[in-house]
C-alpha cells in the first residue's frame, strides 16, 4: 500500500459539507492521537480553533464541530470493540495494528458510525469514508475502506444493506 499524503492534499468531494468536513477532521484528529499520543481533549480544542468561531468574519463554520467531537469520543470509547471487528474483516494476512495510521483512523471512524449512527444510511457512511481515503491515498486503500466497511455494514445493519 502506498503511504498517505498527510498534508492537506485534495479535500474529499464533500468536504465543503459540514459533516463531510467533520469526518475528514476526525480522521486527522485520530491520526494525531495515534501518532503523537495527544489527549482527546487537546485534539478537540486544537481542531475547534482550526474551525474558527461560528460566523467569524461572516464565514460559516465549515465543519460540524459537535459531530467531529462525537466521532472522536465515540471511537475512543468503543475502540476495544471496533478494533477486533475491523481486524477480522481485513484480507488474510493484514492486521489493523500494522496498517498505516491514517487508514486505521478511517476504518475506526467509519466502523463507529456504522455501529452507532443508525440515523445515517450505511451507504452514505461508506461513501463518505471512501472519499476521505481518496483524499489521502492514490493506491488500493479506498478499495480496502470500501470492502471492510461494506462487510461491517452487512453485519451491523443486515436489514438496511442485506446480510452477507
N, C-alpha and C. Protein backbone atom coordinates (compact mmCIF):
# COMPACT_ATOMS: atom_id res chain seq x y z
N UNK A 1 0.84 -1.18 0.00
CA UNK A 1 0.00 0.00 0.00
C UNK A 1 0.88 1.23 0.00
N UNK A 2 0.43 2.26 -0.67
CA UNK A 2 1.18 3.50 -0.71
C UNK A 2 0.99 4.27 0.58
N UNK A 3 1.91 5.15 0.89
CA UNK A 3 1.81 5.95 2.09
C UNK A 3 0.81 7.07 1.93
N UNK A 4 0.34 7.61 3.04
CA UNK A 4 -0.66 8.67 2.94
C UNK A 4 -0.04 10.01 2.62
N UNK A 5 -0.85 10.87 2.06
CA UNK A 5 -0.47 12.26 1.88
C UNK A 5 -1.04 12.98 3.09
N UNK A 6 -0.21 13.18 4.13
CA UNK A 6 -0.73 13.75 5.36
C UNK A 6 -0.79 15.27 5.32
N UNK A 7 -0.38 15.85 4.20
CA UNK A 7 -0.59 17.28 4.04
C UNK A 7 -2.08 17.49 3.81
N UNK A 8 -2.46 18.71 3.60
CA UNK A 8 -3.88 18.98 3.39
C UNK A 8 -4.40 18.25 2.16
N UNK A 9 -3.58 18.12 1.13
CA UNK A 9 -3.95 17.34 -0.04
C UNK A 9 -5.25 17.82 -0.65
N UNK A 10 -5.82 16.99 -1.48
CA UNK A 10 -7.11 17.30 -2.08
C UNK A 10 -8.21 16.92 -1.12
N UNK A 11 -9.10 17.86 -0.79
CA UNK A 11 -10.19 17.51 0.12
C UNK A 11 -11.14 16.52 -0.53
N UNK A 12 -11.83 15.71 0.29
CA UNK A 12 -12.83 14.83 -0.29
C UNK A 12 -13.88 15.65 -1.01
N UNK A 13 -14.57 15.02 -1.96
CA UNK A 13 -15.51 15.78 -2.78
C UNK A 13 -16.62 16.44 -1.97
N UNK A 14 -16.96 15.92 -0.80
CA UNK A 14 -18.00 16.53 0.02
C UNK A 14 -17.46 17.39 1.15
N UNK A 15 -16.16 17.74 1.08
CA UNK A 15 -15.53 18.41 2.21
C UNK A 15 -16.11 19.78 2.52
N UNK A 16 -16.86 20.36 1.60
CA UNK A 16 -17.47 21.65 1.91
C UNK A 16 -18.75 21.48 2.71
N UNK A 17 -19.20 20.24 2.86
CA UNK A 17 -20.38 19.97 3.67
C UNK A 17 -19.92 19.81 5.11
N UNK A 18 -20.67 20.34 6.08
CA UNK A 18 -20.21 20.28 7.48
C UNK A 18 -19.89 18.88 7.99
N UNK A 19 -20.71 17.89 7.71
CA UNK A 19 -20.42 16.54 8.24
C UNK A 19 -19.25 15.90 7.50
N UNK A 20 -19.14 16.14 6.22
CA UNK A 20 -18.00 15.60 5.47
C UNK A 20 -16.70 16.20 5.98
N UNK A 21 -16.71 17.50 6.23
CA UNK A 21 -15.53 18.16 6.77
C UNK A 21 -15.21 17.65 8.17
N UNK A 22 -16.25 17.37 8.95
CA UNK A 22 -16.05 16.84 10.31
C UNK A 22 -15.44 15.45 10.25
N UNK A 23 -15.86 14.63 9.29
CA UNK A 23 -15.28 13.29 9.15
C UNK A 23 -13.80 13.38 8.80
N UNK A 24 -13.47 14.24 7.86
CA UNK A 24 -12.07 14.42 7.49
C UNK A 24 -11.25 14.90 8.68
N UNK A 25 -11.78 15.86 9.42
CA UNK A 25 -11.08 16.37 10.60
C UNK A 25 -10.96 15.30 11.68
N UNK A 26 -12.00 14.48 11.84
CA UNK A 26 -11.95 13.40 12.84
C UNK A 26 -10.85 12.40 12.51
N UNK A 27 -10.71 12.06 11.24
CA UNK A 27 -9.64 11.14 10.83
C UNK A 27 -8.28 11.78 11.13
N UNK A 28 -8.15 13.06 10.85
CA UNK A 28 -6.89 13.75 11.14
C UNK A 28 -6.63 13.79 12.65
N UNK A 29 -7.69 14.02 13.42
CA UNK A 29 -7.56 14.04 14.88
C UNK A 29 -7.18 12.68 15.43
N UNK A 30 -7.82 11.63 14.93
CA UNK A 30 -7.49 10.27 15.38
C UNK A 30 -6.05 9.92 15.00
N UNK A 31 -5.63 10.36 13.83
CA UNK A 31 -4.25 10.15 13.39
C UNK A 31 -3.29 10.83 14.36
N UNK A 32 -3.60 12.08 14.71
CA UNK A 32 -2.75 12.83 15.65
C UNK A 32 -2.70 12.14 17.01
N UNK A 33 -3.84 11.66 17.47
CA UNK A 33 -3.89 10.97 18.77
C UNK A 33 -3.06 9.69 18.71
N UNK A 34 -3.13 8.98 17.60
CA UNK A 34 -2.41 7.72 17.44
C UNK A 34 -0.91 7.95 17.32
N UNK A 35 -0.53 8.89 16.49
CA UNK A 35 0.88 9.11 16.19
C UNK A 35 1.62 9.85 17.30
N UNK A 36 0.99 10.90 17.83
CA UNK A 36 1.66 11.74 18.82
C UNK A 36 1.16 11.52 20.23
N UNK A 37 0.27 10.55 20.42
CA UNK A 37 -0.32 10.26 21.73
C UNK A 37 -0.90 11.52 22.37
N UNK A 38 -1.55 12.34 21.54
CA UNK A 38 -2.18 13.57 22.02
C UNK A 38 -3.49 13.23 22.70
N UNK A 39 -3.77 13.87 23.81
CA UNK A 39 -5.00 13.66 24.57
C UNK A 39 -6.21 14.11 23.75
N UNK A 40 -7.31 13.39 23.88
CA UNK A 40 -8.51 13.69 23.11
C UNK A 40 -9.02 15.11 23.36
N UNK A 41 -9.00 15.56 24.60
CA UNK A 41 -9.47 16.91 24.90
C UNK A 41 -8.61 17.96 24.20
N UNK A 42 -7.30 17.71 24.14
CA UNK A 42 -6.40 18.64 23.45
C UNK A 42 -6.67 18.66 21.96
N UNK A 43 -6.93 17.50 21.38
CA UNK A 43 -7.21 17.42 19.95
C UNK A 43 -8.50 18.16 19.63
N UNK A 44 -9.53 17.93 20.43
CA UNK A 44 -10.81 18.62 20.19
C UNK A 44 -10.62 20.13 20.29
N UNK A 45 -9.87 20.58 21.28
CA UNK A 45 -9.62 22.02 21.44
C UNK A 45 -8.82 22.58 20.26
N UNK A 46 -7.80 21.85 19.82
CA UNK A 46 -6.98 22.31 18.69
C UNK A 46 -7.81 22.43 17.42
N UNK A 47 -8.65 21.44 17.18
CA UNK A 47 -9.46 21.48 15.96
C UNK A 47 -10.55 22.53 16.06
N UNK A 48 -11.08 22.78 17.25
CA UNK A 48 -12.08 23.84 17.41
C UNK A 48 -11.47 25.18 17.01
N UNK A 49 -10.20 25.38 17.35
CA UNK A 49 -9.51 26.60 16.96
C UNK A 49 -9.35 26.66 15.45
N UNK A 50 -9.03 25.53 14.84
CA UNK A 50 -8.89 25.49 13.38
C UNK A 50 -10.21 25.79 12.68
N UNK A 51 -11.31 25.31 13.25
CA UNK A 51 -12.61 25.53 12.64
C UNK A 51 -13.00 27.00 12.72
N UNK A 52 -12.49 27.71 13.72
CA UNK A 52 -12.84 29.11 13.90
C UNK A 52 -14.17 29.25 14.62
N UNK A 53 -14.44 30.44 15.04
CA UNK A 53 -15.70 30.72 15.74
C UNK A 53 -16.83 30.75 14.73
N UNK A 54 -18.01 30.33 15.16
CA UNK A 54 -19.18 30.38 14.29
C UNK A 54 -19.38 31.81 13.79
N UNK A 55 -19.50 31.93 12.48
CA UNK A 55 -19.78 33.23 11.90
C UNK A 55 -18.62 34.18 11.92
N UNK A 56 -17.43 33.71 12.30
CA UNK A 56 -16.26 34.59 12.35
C UNK A 56 -16.01 35.20 10.98
N UNK A 57 -15.97 36.51 10.94
CA UNK A 57 -15.73 37.18 9.67
C UNK A 57 -16.84 36.96 8.65
N UNK A 58 -18.01 36.58 9.13
CA UNK A 58 -19.12 36.34 8.23
C UNK A 58 -19.06 34.98 7.54
N UNK A 59 -18.00 34.19 7.82
CA UNK A 59 -17.86 32.88 7.17
C UNK A 59 -18.58 31.81 7.98
N UNK A 60 -19.30 30.93 7.31
CA UNK A 60 -19.97 29.86 8.04
C UNK A 60 -18.95 28.86 8.59
N UNK A 61 -19.32 28.17 9.64
CA UNK A 61 -18.48 27.12 10.19
C UNK A 61 -18.46 25.98 9.19
N UNK A 62 -17.28 25.60 8.70
CA UNK A 62 -17.18 24.60 7.64
C UNK A 62 -17.44 23.20 8.18
N UNK A 63 -16.89 22.88 9.33
CA UNK A 63 -17.05 21.53 9.89
C UNK A 63 -18.08 21.55 11.01
N UNK A 64 -18.80 20.49 11.14
CA UNK A 64 -19.75 20.32 12.23
C UNK A 64 -18.94 19.90 13.46
N UNK A 65 -18.66 20.87 14.33
CA UNK A 65 -17.79 20.61 15.48
C UNK A 65 -18.37 19.58 16.44
N UNK A 66 -19.66 19.60 16.65
CA UNK A 66 -20.25 18.62 17.56
C UNK A 66 -20.13 17.21 17.00
N UNK A 67 -20.35 17.06 15.71
CA UNK A 67 -20.22 15.75 15.06
C UNK A 67 -18.76 15.28 15.12
N UNK A 68 -17.84 16.20 14.87
CA UNK A 68 -16.40 15.91 14.96
C UNK A 68 -16.06 15.35 16.34
N UNK A 69 -16.49 16.05 17.39
CA UNK A 69 -16.19 15.62 18.76
C UNK A 69 -16.86 14.29 19.07
N UNK A 70 -18.10 14.08 18.56
CA UNK A 70 -18.79 12.82 18.78
C UNK A 70 -18.01 11.67 18.15
N UNK A 71 -17.50 11.88 16.94
CA UNK A 71 -16.73 10.83 16.27
C UNK A 71 -15.48 10.47 17.08
N UNK A 72 -14.73 11.48 17.51
CA UNK A 72 -13.52 11.20 18.29
C UNK A 72 -13.84 10.48 19.59
N UNK A 73 -14.79 11.03 20.33
CA UNK A 73 -15.14 10.41 21.62
C UNK A 73 -15.70 9.00 21.43
N UNK A 74 -16.50 8.81 20.40
CA UNK A 74 -17.10 7.50 20.16
C UNK A 74 -16.06 6.45 19.79
N UNK A 75 -15.11 6.82 18.93
CA UNK A 75 -14.05 5.87 18.56
C UNK A 75 -13.23 5.50 19.78
N UNK A 76 -12.88 6.48 20.59
CA UNK A 76 -12.09 6.20 21.79
C UNK A 76 -12.88 5.31 22.75
N UNK A 77 -14.15 5.64 22.95
CA UNK A 77 -14.99 4.89 23.89
C UNK A 77 -15.20 3.45 23.44
N UNK A 78 -15.31 3.23 22.15
CA UNK A 78 -15.66 1.89 21.65
C UNK A 78 -14.50 1.19 20.93
N UNK A 79 -13.30 1.73 21.07
CA UNK A 79 -12.16 1.19 20.32
C UNK A 79 -11.89 -0.29 20.62
N UNK A 80 -12.10 -0.71 21.86
CA UNK A 80 -11.87 -2.12 22.21
C UNK A 80 -12.87 -3.05 21.51
N UNK A 81 -14.01 -2.51 21.09
CA UNK A 81 -14.98 -3.28 20.30
C UNK A 81 -14.70 -3.14 18.80
N UNK A 82 -14.35 -1.93 18.40
CA UNK A 82 -14.15 -1.63 16.98
C UNK A 82 -12.96 -2.39 16.40
N UNK A 83 -11.83 -2.36 17.09
CA UNK A 83 -10.60 -2.93 16.53
C UNK A 83 -10.73 -4.40 16.16
N UNK A 84 -11.26 -5.26 17.02
CA UNK A 84 -11.40 -6.66 16.60
C UNK A 84 -12.38 -6.85 15.44
N UNK A 85 -13.44 -6.03 15.40
CA UNK A 85 -14.39 -6.13 14.30
C UNK A 85 -13.72 -5.79 12.97
N UNK A 86 -12.97 -4.71 12.96
CA UNK A 86 -12.28 -4.30 11.74
C UNK A 86 -11.19 -5.31 11.39
N UNK A 87 -10.42 -5.70 12.38
CA UNK A 87 -9.31 -6.63 12.18
C UNK A 87 -9.78 -7.92 11.51
N UNK A 88 -10.92 -8.43 11.95
CA UNK A 88 -11.44 -9.69 11.42
C UNK A 88 -11.94 -9.56 9.98
N UNK A 89 -12.17 -8.34 9.51
CA UNK A 89 -12.70 -8.14 8.17
C UNK A 89 -11.64 -7.71 7.16
N UNK A 90 -10.41 -7.61 7.62
CA UNK A 90 -9.31 -7.30 6.71
C UNK A 90 -8.93 -8.56 5.94
N UNK A 91 -8.36 -8.37 4.77
CA UNK A 91 -7.93 -9.51 3.96
C UNK A 91 -6.89 -10.33 4.73
N UNK A 92 -6.84 -11.61 4.40
CA UNK A 92 -5.91 -12.52 5.07
C UNK A 92 -4.50 -11.96 5.12
N UNK A 93 -3.88 -12.07 6.27
CA UNK A 93 -2.52 -11.60 6.42
C UNK A 93 -2.40 -10.15 6.86
N UNK A 94 -3.47 -9.38 6.75
CA UNK A 94 -3.44 -7.98 7.18
C UNK A 94 -3.97 -7.86 8.60
N UNK A 95 -3.39 -7.00 9.38
CA UNK A 95 -3.83 -6.74 10.75
C UNK A 95 -3.96 -5.23 10.93
N UNK A 96 -4.98 -4.83 11.65
CA UNK A 96 -5.26 -3.41 11.86
C UNK A 96 -4.06 -2.68 12.44
N UNK A 97 -3.39 -3.28 13.41
CA UNK A 97 -2.28 -2.59 14.06
C UNK A 97 -1.06 -2.44 13.14
N UNK A 98 -1.07 -3.09 11.98
CA UNK A 98 0.04 -2.98 11.03
C UNK A 98 -0.29 -2.04 9.87
N UNK A 99 -1.53 -1.57 9.82
CA UNK A 99 -1.93 -0.65 8.75
C UNK A 99 -1.38 0.74 9.02
N UNK A 100 -1.33 1.53 7.97
CA UNK A 100 -0.98 2.93 8.08
C UNK A 100 -1.94 3.62 9.07
N UNK A 101 -1.44 4.55 9.85
CA UNK A 101 -2.24 5.21 10.88
C UNK A 101 -3.45 5.95 10.32
N UNK A 102 -3.31 6.56 9.16
CA UNK A 102 -4.46 7.26 8.56
C UNK A 102 -5.53 6.24 8.16
N UNK A 103 -5.11 5.15 7.54
CA UNK A 103 -6.07 4.12 7.13
C UNK A 103 -6.77 3.53 8.35
N UNK A 104 -6.02 3.32 9.39
CA UNK A 104 -6.59 2.79 10.65
C UNK A 104 -7.63 3.77 11.20
N UNK A 105 -7.33 5.06 11.17
CA UNK A 105 -8.26 6.08 11.66
C UNK A 105 -9.54 6.12 10.82
N UNK A 106 -9.40 5.98 9.51
CA UNK A 106 -10.57 5.98 8.62
C UNK A 106 -11.47 4.79 8.95
N UNK A 107 -10.87 3.62 9.08
CA UNK A 107 -11.65 2.41 9.36
C UNK A 107 -12.32 2.47 10.73
N UNK A 108 -11.62 2.97 11.72
CA UNK A 108 -12.21 3.07 13.06
C UNK A 108 -13.38 4.04 13.08
N UNK A 109 -13.21 5.19 12.46
CA UNK A 109 -14.28 6.19 12.46
C UNK A 109 -15.49 5.68 11.68
N UNK A 110 -15.25 5.07 10.53
CA UNK A 110 -16.35 4.51 9.75
C UNK A 110 -17.08 3.40 10.49
N UNK A 111 -16.32 2.54 11.15
CA UNK A 111 -16.92 1.46 11.93
C UNK A 111 -17.77 2.02 13.06
N UNK A 112 -17.26 3.04 13.74
CA UNK A 112 -18.04 3.66 14.82
C UNK A 112 -19.38 4.18 14.29
N UNK A 113 -19.34 4.89 13.17
CA UNK A 113 -20.59 5.42 12.62
C UNK A 113 -21.57 4.31 12.25
N UNK A 114 -21.05 3.25 11.66
CA UNK A 114 -21.94 2.14 11.31
C UNK A 114 -22.56 1.51 12.55
N UNK A 115 -21.82 1.46 13.64
CA UNK A 115 -22.30 0.85 14.87
C UNK A 115 -23.31 1.74 15.60
N UNK A 116 -23.10 3.04 15.60
CA UNK A 116 -23.89 3.91 16.47
C UNK A 116 -24.81 4.90 15.77
N UNK A 117 -24.52 5.27 14.57
CA UNK A 117 -25.31 6.33 13.93
C UNK A 117 -26.31 5.74 12.95
N UNK A 118 -27.35 5.13 13.50
CA UNK A 118 -28.38 4.49 12.69
C UNK A 118 -29.20 5.51 11.90
N UNK A 119 -29.09 6.78 12.27
CA UNK A 119 -29.80 7.83 11.56
C UNK A 119 -29.13 8.19 10.24
N UNK A 120 -27.92 7.69 10.02
CA UNK A 120 -27.19 7.96 8.78
C UNK A 120 -27.14 6.66 7.98
N UNK A 121 -27.62 6.66 6.75
CA UNK A 121 -27.62 5.42 5.96
C UNK A 121 -26.21 4.85 5.80
N UNK A 122 -26.11 3.54 5.87
CA UNK A 122 -24.81 2.86 5.77
C UNK A 122 -24.10 3.22 4.46
N UNK A 123 -24.84 3.30 3.38
CA UNK A 123 -24.22 3.61 2.09
C UNK A 123 -23.61 5.01 2.09
N UNK A 124 -24.23 5.94 2.81
CA UNK A 124 -23.67 7.29 2.92
C UNK A 124 -22.36 7.24 3.71
N UNK A 125 -22.37 6.52 4.82
CA UNK A 125 -21.18 6.40 5.66
C UNK A 125 -20.03 5.79 4.85
N UNK A 126 -20.30 4.69 4.17
CA UNK A 126 -19.25 4.04 3.38
C UNK A 126 -18.71 4.98 2.31
N UNK A 127 -19.60 5.62 1.59
CA UNK A 127 -19.19 6.54 0.52
C UNK A 127 -18.34 7.69 1.07
N UNK A 128 -18.76 8.24 2.19
CA UNK A 128 -18.02 9.35 2.79
C UNK A 128 -16.60 8.94 3.17
N UNK A 129 -16.45 7.76 3.77
CA UNK A 129 -15.11 7.33 4.20
C UNK A 129 -14.25 6.86 3.03
N UNK A 130 -14.86 6.37 1.96
CA UNK A 130 -14.10 6.09 0.74
C UNK A 130 -13.56 7.40 0.19
N UNK A 131 -14.38 8.46 0.21
CA UNK A 131 -13.91 9.77 -0.24
C UNK A 131 -12.79 10.31 0.64
N UNK A 132 -12.90 10.11 1.95
CA UNK A 132 -11.82 10.52 2.84
C UNK A 132 -10.54 9.77 2.49
N UNK A 133 -10.65 8.47 2.25
CA UNK A 133 -9.47 7.67 1.87
C UNK A 133 -8.85 8.20 0.58
N UNK A 134 -9.69 8.59 -0.37
CA UNK A 134 -9.19 9.13 -1.64
C UNK A 134 -8.46 10.46 -1.45
N UNK A 135 -8.80 11.19 -0.39
CA UNK A 135 -8.13 12.45 -0.12
C UNK A 135 -6.69 12.22 0.34
N UNK A 136 -6.41 11.04 0.90
CA UNK A 136 -5.08 10.75 1.43
C UNK A 136 -4.29 9.75 0.61
N UNK A 137 -4.95 8.89 -0.13
CA UNK A 137 -4.28 7.78 -0.80
C UNK A 137 -4.62 7.73 -2.29
N UNK A 138 -3.65 7.29 -3.08
CA UNK A 138 -3.87 7.11 -4.51
C UNK A 138 -3.82 5.64 -4.91
N UNK A 139 -3.56 4.76 -3.97
CA UNK A 139 -3.44 3.33 -4.24
C UNK A 139 -4.73 2.58 -3.99
N UNK A 140 -4.59 1.41 -3.40
CA UNK A 140 -5.71 0.50 -3.17
C UNK A 140 -6.49 0.79 -1.87
N UNK A 141 -6.02 1.72 -1.08
CA UNK A 141 -6.63 1.96 0.22
C UNK A 141 -8.12 2.31 0.17
N UNK A 142 -8.58 3.15 -0.78
CA UNK A 142 -10.03 3.40 -0.83
C UNK A 142 -10.84 2.11 -1.05
N UNK A 143 -10.29 1.16 -1.81
CA UNK A 143 -10.97 -0.12 -2.01
C UNK A 143 -10.98 -0.93 -0.72
N UNK A 144 -9.90 -0.84 0.05
CA UNK A 144 -9.86 -1.53 1.35
C UNK A 144 -10.94 -0.96 2.26
N UNK A 145 -11.03 0.36 2.31
CA UNK A 145 -12.05 1.03 3.13
C UNK A 145 -13.44 0.58 2.69
N UNK A 146 -13.69 0.59 1.39
CA UNK A 146 -14.99 0.17 0.88
C UNK A 146 -15.30 -1.27 1.27
N UNK A 147 -14.35 -2.16 1.09
CA UNK A 147 -14.58 -3.58 1.37
C UNK A 147 -14.82 -3.86 2.84
N UNK A 148 -13.99 -3.28 3.70
CA UNK A 148 -14.12 -3.53 5.14
C UNK A 148 -15.42 -2.93 5.67
N UNK A 149 -15.71 -1.68 5.31
CA UNK A 149 -16.93 -1.04 5.81
C UNK A 149 -18.18 -1.70 5.24
N UNK A 150 -18.12 -2.17 3.99
CA UNK A 150 -19.26 -2.88 3.43
C UNK A 150 -19.54 -4.17 4.20
N UNK A 151 -18.49 -4.92 4.53
CA UNK A 151 -18.67 -6.15 5.32
C UNK A 151 -19.27 -5.84 6.69
N UNK A 152 -18.76 -4.78 7.32
CA UNK A 152 -19.29 -4.38 8.63
C UNK A 152 -20.75 -3.96 8.52
N UNK A 153 -21.07 -3.20 7.48
CA UNK A 153 -22.45 -2.74 7.30
C UNK A 153 -23.40 -3.91 7.12
N UNK A 154 -22.99 -4.92 6.38
CA UNK A 154 -23.84 -6.09 6.15
C UNK A 154 -24.10 -6.85 7.45
N UNK A 155 -23.13 -6.80 8.36
CA UNK A 155 -23.28 -7.49 9.65
C UNK A 155 -23.99 -6.61 10.68
N UNK A 156 -23.66 -5.33 10.71
CA UNK A 156 -24.23 -4.42 11.70
C UNK A 156 -25.65 -3.99 11.32
N UNK A 157 -25.94 -3.93 10.03
CA UNK A 157 -27.23 -3.42 9.55
C UNK A 157 -27.80 -4.32 8.44
N UNK A 158 -28.03 -5.59 8.75
CA UNK A 158 -28.48 -6.52 7.70
C UNK A 158 -29.80 -6.12 7.07
N UNK A 159 -30.69 -5.49 7.81
CA UNK A 159 -31.98 -5.08 7.25
C UNK A 159 -31.85 -3.90 6.30
N UNK A 160 -30.75 -3.16 6.47
CA UNK A 160 -30.55 -1.97 5.63
C UNK A 160 -29.79 -2.30 4.34
N UNK A 161 -28.74 -3.10 4.45
CA UNK A 161 -27.91 -3.37 3.27
C UNK A 161 -27.89 -4.84 2.88
N UNK A 162 -28.57 -5.67 3.61
CA UNK A 162 -28.60 -7.11 3.30
C UNK A 162 -27.42 -7.82 3.93
N UNK A 163 -27.70 -8.89 4.61
CA UNK A 163 -26.63 -9.66 5.26
C UNK A 163 -25.72 -10.29 4.25
N UNK A 164 -24.51 -10.62 4.70
CA UNK A 164 -23.60 -11.20 3.73
C UNK A 164 -22.61 -12.10 4.32
